[in-house]
Amino acid sequence: MNSFATPAFTLSLLFAAALVASMLVKFWLATRQMRHVAAHRDRVPAPFAGRIALEAHQRAADYTLAKGRLGLLAMALAAAVLLAWTLLGGLDLLNVVVRDAVQPRLGDMAYQLALLAAFAMISGAIDLPLDLVATFRVEQRFGFNRMTWRLYLLDLAKGLLIGALIGLPIAALVLWLMHAAGALWWLWAWGVWMAFNLLILVLYPTLIAPLFNKFEPLADETLKTRVQALMARCGFAAKGLFVMDGSRRSAHGNAYFTGLGAAKRVVFFDTLLAKLSPGEVEAVLAHELGHFKHRHVTQRIVMMFALSLAGFALLGWLTSRAWFYTGLGVQPNLSAPNDALALLLFALALPVFAFFVSPLFAQLSRRHEFQADAYACAQSSGADLAAALLKLHEDNASTLTPDPLYVRFYYSHPPASERLAALPSA
């Protein structure tokens, strides 16, 4: 058979083409965004004249440009690393080294878990320098970073420990199902994965999040009464109202609700409470409750269920095809399981192809944000919501002049101009 007509070669060609095309689109969009922001740096947009100072507008532009330049470097590095892992044989080499060192002594399961752990550690080490630059250079330069080196390293250690304690057992269970559950292993694995995600939604607020931040009950009785009245109007029951010490790490502010069922919590960043008036805090929370009222969270969970089911079904089909491995630069094992290899290759390759449909999900998210804004205006004050959005945009140095095409492709939230224009009292 002509080697250029094999399924492995076809996959290699498709993967390489998708990688190149996605990188070209990413760089094109990123440079469009940077040019557009730079071109509008010296003048506050007309809808915000008198409400946003020129100095704040220029700071936001500079912050966007600094993140954009770092983002270009991160994109180039990510593409090079992905190519090295796959078509250039990096994962194949790692597999041989780990397999020969671990499998003869400790068996198949230990080898596969060691391969997953080694891959995760190397990937994390590659990403670490840029994360340090983002935290201690870019965020520090614009006054957002409040992370000390000690806290950064402590968070890193906690993340690694929690990842190992949670990730390795779930990985072992999935690998066992891939080996023992027959042709429909992917259906059982999908069920386990979904159950795990739902369990995390319940456990995260009370067991995991407190390992990184302090959560104290909301002490402001006036604000507490106001928030509880809002939740009563919205038919939302929460286990508690908490303030998180987000200021330990960043000056950025936010509010959210987390958890599932009886474990739901409303959480305010302390930085948010320091910047917004009680009416503005209520409006921000009303927006978050709008997501609850419109069942956006449920819709996203259902979508996650459906997409992950399709993904597991596709993975179940690919694992038995030798060309899936060789087409992505890996020689499948002859005397050891290939399940961990299949998981890693799938995780590496899927985002390259999924990139081209990501604008659809961004568009859906923006539509949800408009619906939540409309709900917030009905349950609280549109003027307060508009004021809060302006303060958050200014305090977070979010650009008021993003490139329209960049917005359509990436933004999960509408730009400030579109959100404020849609508010009745803006």
Protein backbone atom coordinates (compact mmCIF):
# COMPACT_ATOMS: atom_id res chain seq x y z
CA MET A 1 0.00 0.00 0.00
CA ASN A 2 1.20 3.51 -0.80
CA SER A 3 2.31 5.03 2.53
CA PHE A 4 0.77 8.35 1.53
CA ALA A 5 -2.68 6.77 1.38
CA THR A 6 -2.69 5.09 4.79
CA PRO A 7 -5.06 6.20 7.58
CA ALA A 8 -2.02 7.07 9.74
CA PHE A 9 -0.63 9.44 7.13
CA THR A 10 -4.06 10.97 6.60
CA LEU A 11 -4.42 11.61 10.33
CA SER A 12 -0.91 13.11 10.48
CA LEU A 13 -1.75 15.39 7.59
CA LEU A 14 -5.12 16.44 9.04
CA PHE A 15 -3.61 17.07 12.46
CA ALA A 16 -0.73 19.11 11.06
CA ALA A 17 -3.09 21.11 8.84
CA ALA A 18 -5.49 21.79 11.72
CA LEU A 19 -2.62 22.81 14.00
CA VAL A 20 -1.18 25.22 11.43
CA ALA A 21 -4.60 26.63 10.54
CA SER A 22 -5.58 27.12 14.19
CA MET A 23 -2.28 28.84 14.97
CA LEU A 24 -2.61 31.16 11.98
CA VAL A 25 -6.15 32.09 13.04
CA LYS A 26 -5.06 32.61 16.66
CA PHE A 27 -2.14 34.84 15.70
CA TRP A 28 -4.26 36.78 13.23
CA LEU A 29 -6.98 37.41 15.80
CA ALA A 30 -4.49 38.28 18.54
CA THR A 31 -2.66 40.80 16.37
CA ARG A 32 -5.98 42.28 15.22
CA GLN A 33 -6.96 42.73 18.86
CA MET A 34 -3.67 44.37 19.76
CA ARG A 35 -3.74 46.73 16.79
CA HIS A 36 -7.35 47.70 17.46
CA VAL A 37 -6.74 48.39 21.14
CA ALA A 38 -3.56 50.36 20.41
CA ALA A 39 -5.31 52.42 17.73
CA HIS A 40 -8.03 53.49 20.19
CA ARG A 41 -5.75 53.98 23.19
CA ASP A 42 -5.68 57.77 23.19
CA ARG A 43 -9.40 58.48 23.26
CA VAL A 44 -12.15 57.23 25.56
CA PRO A 45 -15.03 55.83 23.44
CA ALA A 46 -17.96 58.22 23.18
CA PRO A 47 -20.42 56.07 25.20
CA PHE A 48 -18.00 56.20 28.16
CA ALA A 49 -16.91 59.84 27.90
CA GLY A 50 -17.26 61.50 31.28
CA ARG A 51 -17.61 58.15 33.05
CA ILE A 52 -14.17 56.64 32.44
CA ALA A 53 -11.02 58.75 32.79
CA LEU A 54 -8.53 58.78 29.93
CA GLU A 55 -5.82 57.56 32.30
CA ALA A 56 -7.92 54.51 33.25
CA HIS A 57 -8.70 53.83 29.59
CA GLN A 58 -5.03 53.96 28.65
CA ARG A 59 -4.11 51.71 31.58
CA ALA A 60 -6.65 49.15 30.35
CA ALA A 61 -5.22 49.36 26.83
CA ASP A 62 -1.66 48.89 28.10
CA TYR A 63 -2.74 45.93 30.24
CA THR A 64 -4.47 44.32 27.27
CA LEU A 65 -1.41 44.83 25.07
CA ALA A 66 0.94 43.41 27.72
CA LYS A 67 -1.24 40.32 28.11
CA GLY A 68 -1.51 40.07 24.33
CA ARG A 69 2.25 40.06 23.83
CA LEU A 70 2.66 37.37 26.46
CA GLY A 71 -0.23 35.49 24.88
CA LEU A 72 1.54 35.43 21.51
CA LEU A 73 4.57 33.87 23.16
CA ALA A 74 2.37 31.36 24.99
CA MET A 75 0.62 30.39 21.75
CA ALA A 76 3.93 29.82 19.96
CA LEU A 77 5.25 27.75 22.86
CA ALA A 78 2.04 25.70 23.08
CA ALA A 79 2.15 24.90 19.36
CA ALA A 80 5.82 23.91 19.52
CA VAL A 81 5.26 21.73 22.58
CA LEU A 82 2.21 20.06 21.03
CA LEU A 83 4.15 19.29 17.87
CA ALA A 84 7.04 17.97 19.96
CA TRP A 85 4.76 15.69 21.99
CA THR A 86 3.06 14.25 18.90
CA LEU A 87 4.54 14.23 15.41
CA LEU A 88 8.11 14.79 16.59
CA GLY A 89 7.95 11.79 18.92
CA GLY A 90 8.16 13.30 22.40
CA LEU A 91 5.33 11.25 23.85
CA ASP A 92 6.66 8.14 22.16
CA LEU A 93 10.04 8.66 23.82
CA LEU A 94 8.49 9.36 27.21
CA ASN A 95 6.37 6.23 26.89
CA VAL A 96 9.37 4.02 26.14
CA VAL A 97 11.37 5.42 29.05
CA VAL A 98 8.53 5.09 31.59
CA ARG A 99 7.35 1.72 30.31
CA ASP A 100 10.82 0.14 30.41
CA ALA A 101 11.51 1.58 33.87
CA VAL A 102 8.19 0.81 35.57
CA GLN A 103 6.22 -1.96 33.87
CA PRO A 104 8.64 -4.90 34.38
CA ARG A 105 8.88 -4.14 38.11
CA LEU A 106 5.48 -2.82 39.12
CA GLY A 107 3.06 -3.97 36.42
CA ASP A 108 0.73 -2.45 33.84
CA MET A 109 -1.36 -0.17 36.05
CA ALA A 110 1.65 1.40 37.76
CA TYR A 111 3.28 1.99 34.37
CA GLN A 112 0.20 3.73 32.97
CA LEU A 113 -0.30 5.93 36.03
CA ALA A 114 3.40 6.79 35.99
CA LEU A 115 3.11 7.78 32.33
CA LEU A 116 0.14 10.08 33.04
CA ALA A 117 1.93 11.58 36.06
CA ALA A 118 5.20 12.11 34.16
CA PHE A 119 3.37 13.80 31.30
CA ALA A 120 1.49 16.09 33.71
CA MET A 121 4.66 17.03 35.58
CA ILE A 122 6.62 17.81 32.42
CA SER A 123 3.75 19.82 30.95
CA GLY A 124 3.42 21.78 34.18
CA ALA A 125 7.14 22.49 34.25
CA ILE A 126 7.00 23.78 30.66
CA ASP A 127 4.08 26.09 31.46
CA LEU A 128 5.54 27.35 34.75
CA PRO A 129 7.91 30.07 33.44
CA LEU A 130 5.18 31.88 31.51
CA ASP A 131 2.82 31.62 34.47
CA LEU A 132 5.50 33.21 36.64
CA VAL A 133 5.94 36.03 34.12
CA ALA A 134 2.17 36.56 33.97
CA THR A 135 1.88 36.68 37.76
CA PHE A 136 5.03 38.49 38.86
CA ARG A 137 5.63 40.71 35.84
CA VAL A 138 2.40 41.54 34.00
CA GLU A 139 -0.05 41.39 36.92
CA GLN A 140 2.54 42.98 39.21
CA ARG A 141 3.22 45.83 36.79
CA PHE A 142 -0.45 46.83 36.68
CA GLY A 143 -1.00 46.50 40.42
CA PHE A 144 -3.13 43.35 40.38
CA ASN A 145 -0.77 40.77 41.83
CA ARG A 146 -0.75 40.38 45.59
CA MET A 147 0.73 36.91 45.52
CA THR A 148 3.97 36.40 47.43
CA TRP A 149 6.50 33.82 46.35
CA ARG A 150 5.72 31.83 49.47
CA LEU A 151 1.99 31.80 48.72
CA TYR A 152 2.62 30.96 45.06
CA LEU A 153 4.78 27.96 45.96
CA LEU A 154 2.33 26.88 48.64
CA ASP A 155 -0.54 26.99 46.14
CA LEU A 156 1.57 25.05 43.67
CA ALA A 157 2.33 22.35 46.23
CA LYS A 158 -1.32 22.12 47.30
CA GLY A 159 -2.43 21.88 43.68
CA LEU A 160 0.01 19.06 42.97
CA LEU A 161 -1.05 17.17 46.09
CA ILE A 162 -4.78 17.55 45.42
CA GLY A 163 -4.23 16.63 41.77
CA ALA A 164 -2.47 13.45 42.80
CA LEU A 165 -4.99 12.51 45.50
CA ILE A 166 -7.97 13.06 43.21
CA GLY A 167 -6.55 12.57 39.73
CA LEU A 168 -4.66 9.31 40.18
CA PRO A 169 -7.58 7.31 41.64
CA ILE A 170 -10.03 8.49 38.97
CA ALA A 171 -7.42 7.80 36.28
CA ALA A 172 -6.84 4.32 37.72
CA LEU A 173 -10.57 3.60 37.66
CA VAL A 174 -10.92 4.76 34.03
CA LEU A 175 -7.87 2.73 32.99
CA TRP A 176 -9.28 -0.34 34.75
CA LEU A 177 -12.59 0.09 32.92
CA MET A 178 -10.78 0.44 29.60
CA HIS A 179 -9.15 -2.92 30.27
CA ALA A 180 -11.94 -4.84 31.96
CA ALA A 181 -15.33 -3.50 30.83
CA GLY A 182 -15.32 -4.79 27.26
CA ALA A 183 -16.28 -2.97 24.06
CA LEU A 184 -18.58 -0.55 25.89
CA TRP A 185 -15.94 0.51 28.40
CA TRP A 186 -16.30 4.11 27.17
CA LEU A 187 -19.94 4.22 28.34
CA TRP A 188 -19.00 3.06 31.82
CA ALA A 189 -16.04 5.46 31.89
CA TRP A 190 -18.31 8.31 30.83
CA GLY A 191 -20.67 7.50 33.69
CA VAL A 192 -17.77 7.51 36.15
CA TRP A 193 -16.47 10.81 34.75
CA MET A 194 -19.86 12.49 35.03
CA ALA A 195 -20.40 11.21 38.56
CA PHE A 196 -16.96 12.51 39.47
CA ASN A 197 -17.72 15.97 38.06
CA LEU A 198 -21.02 16.17 39.94
CA LEU A 199 -19.31 15.04 43.14
CA ILE A 200 -16.67 17.73 42.73
CA LEU A 201 -19.42 20.36 42.37
CA VAL A 202 -20.72 19.26 45.77
CA LEU A 203 -17.36 18.84 47.52
CA TYR A 204 -15.42 21.78 46.07
CA PRO A 205 -17.08 24.58 48.10
CA THR A 206 -16.61 22.91 51.48
CA LEU A 207 -13.50 20.73 51.11
CA ILE A 208 -11.26 22.01 48.31
CA ALA A 209 -11.76 25.78 48.02
CA PRO A 210 -11.04 26.37 51.76
CA LEU A 211 -7.59 24.85 51.25
CA PHE A 212 -6.68 27.89 49.16
CA ASN A 213 -8.82 30.72 50.55
CA LYS A 214 -10.55 31.76 53.74
CA PHE A 215 -14.34 31.94 53.60
CA GLU A 216 -16.04 33.93 56.32
CA PRO A 217 -19.78 34.56 56.74
CA LEU A 218 -20.92 37.91 55.37
CA ALA A 219 -20.71 40.24 58.38
CA ASP A 220 -22.43 43.32 56.95
CA GLU A 221 -25.95 42.86 58.30
CA THR A 222 -27.45 45.56 56.09
CA LEU A 223 -26.01 44.01 52.93
CA LYS A 224 -26.89 40.54 54.20
CA THR A 225 -30.53 41.52 54.67
CA ARG A 226 -30.61 43.07 51.22
CA VAL A 227 -29.05 40.01 49.58
CA GLN A 228 -31.36 37.60 51.39
CA ALA A 229 -34.38 39.61 50.25
CA LEU A 230 -33.09 39.43 46.67
CA MET A 231 -32.62 35.66 46.89
CA ALA A 232 -36.11 35.26 48.33
CA ARG A 233 -37.56 37.22 45.38
CA CYS A 234 -35.59 35.04 42.99
CA GLY A 235 -36.52 31.77 44.69
CA PHE A 236 -32.88 30.91 45.32
CA ALA A 237 -31.87 28.98 48.43
CA ALA A 238 -28.21 28.93 49.48
CA LYS A 239 -26.40 27.30 52.34
CA GLY A 240 -24.71 30.56 53.25
CA LEU A 241 -23.32 33.94 52.23
CA PHE A 242 -19.54 34.08 52.37
CA VAL A 243 -16.73 36.55 51.78
CA MET A 244 -13.55 35.15 50.22
CA ASP A 245 -10.13 36.70 50.81
CA GLY A 246 -9.40 37.12 47.11
CA SER A 247 -7.20 40.12 47.96
CA ARG A 248 -4.49 37.73 49.19
CA ARG A 249 -3.71 36.88 45.58
CA SER A 250 -5.19 39.52 43.30
CA ALA A 251 -6.87 42.91 43.17
CA HIS A 252 -9.46 41.59 40.70
CA GLY A 253 -12.99 41.31 42.07
CA ASN A 254 -15.89 38.95 41.46
CA ALA A 255 -18.95 37.27 42.95
CA TYR A 256 -20.34 33.85 42.20
CA PHE A 257 -22.41 31.00 43.50
CA THR A 258 -20.93 27.56 43.68
CA GLY A 259 -21.93 24.05 44.58
CA LEU A 260 -24.89 21.88 43.72
CA GLY A 261 -28.21 21.24 45.46
CA ALA A 262 -28.06 21.90 49.19
CA ALA A 263 -24.33 22.71 48.93
CA LYS A 264 -24.87 25.96 46.99
CA ARG A 265 -23.05 28.96 48.40
CA VAL A 266 -22.97 32.63 47.47
CA VAL A 267 -19.41 33.94 47.52
CA PHE A 268 -18.23 37.55 47.33
CA PHE A 269 -14.61 38.50 46.82
CA ASP A 270 -13.53 40.94 49.52
CA THR A 271 -12.13 43.11 46.72
CA LEU A 272 -15.61 43.33 45.19
CA LEU A 273 -17.23 44.44 48.45
CA ALA A 274 -14.52 47.09 48.89
CA LYS A 275 -15.26 48.66 45.49
CA LEU A 276 -19.03 48.48 45.07
CA SER A 277 -21.94 50.06 46.92
CA PRO A 278 -24.60 47.76 48.47
CA GLY A 279 -26.95 48.44 45.55
CA GLU A 280 -24.22 47.58 43.06
CA VAL A 281 -23.36 44.38 44.94
CA GLU A 282 -27.03 43.41 44.84
CA ALA A 283 -27.15 44.05 41.08
CA VAL A 284 -24.06 41.92 40.46
CA LEU A 285 -25.53 39.09 42.51
CA ALA A 286 -28.86 39.48 40.70
CA HIS A 287 -26.96 38.92 37.46
CA GLU A 288 -25.49 35.70 38.85
CA LEU A 289 -28.93 34.61 40.02
CA GLY A 290 -30.17 35.33 36.48
CA HIS A 291 -28.00 32.44 35.33
CA PHE A 292 -29.70 30.28 37.95
CA LYS A 293 -33.20 31.44 37.00
CA HIS A 294 -32.64 30.85 33.29
CA ARG A 295 -31.13 27.43 34.07
CA HIS A 296 -27.89 28.32 32.34
CA VAL A 297 -25.89 26.19 34.76
CA THR A 298 -28.16 23.21 34.15
CA GLN A 299 -27.93 23.75 30.40
CA ARG A 300 -24.15 23.81 30.56
CA ILE A 301 -24.05 20.65 32.65
CA VAL A 302 -26.34 18.88 30.18
CA MET A 303 -24.18 20.12 27.30
CA MET A 304 -21.08 18.89 29.10
CA PHE A 305 -22.77 15.50 29.55
CA ALA A 306 -23.64 15.26 25.85
CA LEU A 307 -20.27 16.44 24.53
CA SER A 308 -18.31 14.23 26.91
CA LEU A 309 -20.44 11.24 25.90
CA ALA A 310 -19.61 11.90 22.26
CA GLY A 311 -15.96 12.32 23.20
CA PHE A 312 -15.80 9.05 25.12
CA ALA A 313 -17.57 7.24 22.27
CA LEU A 314 -15.04 8.61 19.79
CA LEU A 315 -12.17 7.65 22.09
CA GLY A 316 -13.64 4.16 22.45
CA TRP A 317 -13.55 3.76 18.68
CA LEU A 318 -10.06 5.21 18.26
CA THR A 319 -8.31 3.15 20.94
CA SER A 320 -8.46 -0.03 18.83
CA ARG A 321 -7.06 1.65 15.69
CA ALA A 322 -3.28 1.41 15.35
CA TRP A 323 -3.28 4.36 12.94
CA PHE A 324 -4.59 6.60 15.74
CA TYR A 325 -1.31 6.12 17.59
CA THR A 326 1.11 6.09 14.66
CA GLY A 327 -0.65 8.98 12.95
CA LEU A 328 0.10 11.11 16.02
CA GLY A 329 3.72 10.05 16.34
CA VAL A 330 3.51 7.16 18.80
CA GLN A 331 4.26 3.49 18.30
CA PRO A 332 1.65 1.50 20.26
CA ASN A 333 2.90 -0.94 22.87
CA LEU A 334 3.08 -4.60 21.92
CA SER A 335 3.53 -6.04 25.41
CA ALA A 336 1.76 -3.42 27.53
CA PRO A 337 -1.63 -1.69 27.52
CA ASN A 338 -2.08 1.38 25.32
CA ASP A 339 -4.93 2.90 27.32
CA ALA A 340 -2.93 5.70 28.96
CA LEU A 341 -1.34 6.52 25.61
CA ALA A 342 -4.79 6.75 24.04
CA LEU A 343 -6.00 9.12 26.78
CA LEU A 344 -2.99 11.40 26.35
CA LEU A 345 -3.12 11.46 22.55
CA PHE A 346 -6.84 12.19 22.60
CA ALA A 347 -6.35 15.02 25.11
CA LEU A 348 -3.57 16.47 22.95
CA ALA A 349 -5.32 16.21 19.58
CA LEU A 350 -8.93 17.05 20.39
CA PRO A 351 -8.44 20.76 21.26
CA VAL A 352 -6.77 21.36 17.89
CA PHE A 353 -9.93 20.33 16.04
CA ALA A 354 -12.36 21.69 18.65
CA PHE A 355 -10.85 25.16 18.33
CA PHE A 356 -12.81 25.82 15.17
CA VAL A 357 -16.19 25.38 16.86
CA SER A 358 -15.28 27.36 19.98
CA PRO A 359 -16.92 30.57 18.66
CA LEU A 360 -20.29 28.80 18.86
CA PHE A 361 -19.87 28.25 22.58
CA ALA A 362 -18.63 31.80 23.08
CA GLN A 363 -21.73 33.10 21.30
CA LEU A 364 -24.00 30.99 23.50
CA SER A 365 -22.23 32.27 26.61
CA ARG A 366 -22.65 35.90 25.52
CA ARG A 367 -26.35 35.31 24.95
CA HIS A 368 -26.62 33.90 28.47
CA GLU A 369 -24.90 37.01 29.83
CA PHE A 370 -27.43 39.30 28.13
CA GLN A 371 -30.27 37.23 29.60
CA ALA A 372 -28.72 37.40 33.07
CA ASP A 373 -28.29 41.17 32.74
CA ALA A 374 -31.95 41.58 31.76
CA TYR A 375 -32.99 39.48 34.75
CA ALA A 376 -30.78 41.56 37.05
CA CYS A 377 -32.44 44.75 35.81
CA ALA A 378 -35.86 43.27 36.55
CA GLN A 379 -34.90 42.22 40.08
CA SER A 380 -32.68 45.13 41.07
CA SER A 381 -31.54 48.44 39.62
CA GLY A 382 -30.32 48.70 36.04
CA ALA A 383 -28.48 51.88 36.97
CA ASP A 384 -26.67 50.03 39.77
CA LEU A 385 -25.76 47.18 37.41
CA ALA A 386 -24.41 49.65 34.85
CA ALA A 387 -22.38 51.43 37.53
CA ALA A 388 -21.04 48.13 38.83
CA LEU A 389 -20.04 46.97 35.34
CA LEU A 390 -18.21 50.23 34.72
CA LYS A 391 -16.36 49.99 38.05
CA LEU A 392 -15.41 46.36 37.42
CA HIS A 393 -14.19 47.14 33.91
CA GLU A 394 -12.11 50.02 35.22
CA ASP A 395 -10.76 48.23 38.28
CA ASN A 396 -9.97 45.07 36.29
CA ALA A 397 -8.43 47.13 33.45
CA SER A 398 -10.69 45.51 30.85
CA THR A 399 -10.39 47.23 27.51
CA LEU A 400 -13.39 49.19 26.30
CA THR A 401 -12.28 48.90 22.67
CA PRO A 402 -11.78 45.23 21.76
CA ASP A 403 -11.60 44.15 18.15
CA PRO A 404 -15.15 43.11 17.08
CA LEU A 405 -13.99 39.92 15.37
CA TYR A 406 -11.85 38.95 18.35
CA VAL A 407 -14.92 39.44 20.53
CA ARG A 408 -17.05 37.17 18.36
CA PHE A 409 -14.45 34.44 18.44
CA TYR A 410 -13.29 34.50 22.06
CA TYR A 411 -15.37 36.61 24.42
CA SER A 412 -17.59 34.64 26.78
CA HIS A 413 -19.01 37.96 28.03
CA PRO A 414 -20.23 40.78 25.75
CA PRO A 415 -17.95 43.83 25.64
CA ALA A 416 -18.89 46.68 27.94
CA SER A 417 -20.33 48.83 25.15
CA GLU A 418 -22.82 46.13 24.12
CA ARG A 419 -23.77 45.22 27.69
CA LEU A 420 -24.39 48.81 28.75
CA ALA A 421 -26.32 49.60 25.57
CA ALA A 422 -28.68 46.72 26.36
CA LEU A 423 -29.40 47.92 29.91
CA PRO A 424 -32.55 50.01 30.27
CA SER A 425 -31.03 52.45 32.74
CA ALA A 426 -27.50 52.70 31.40
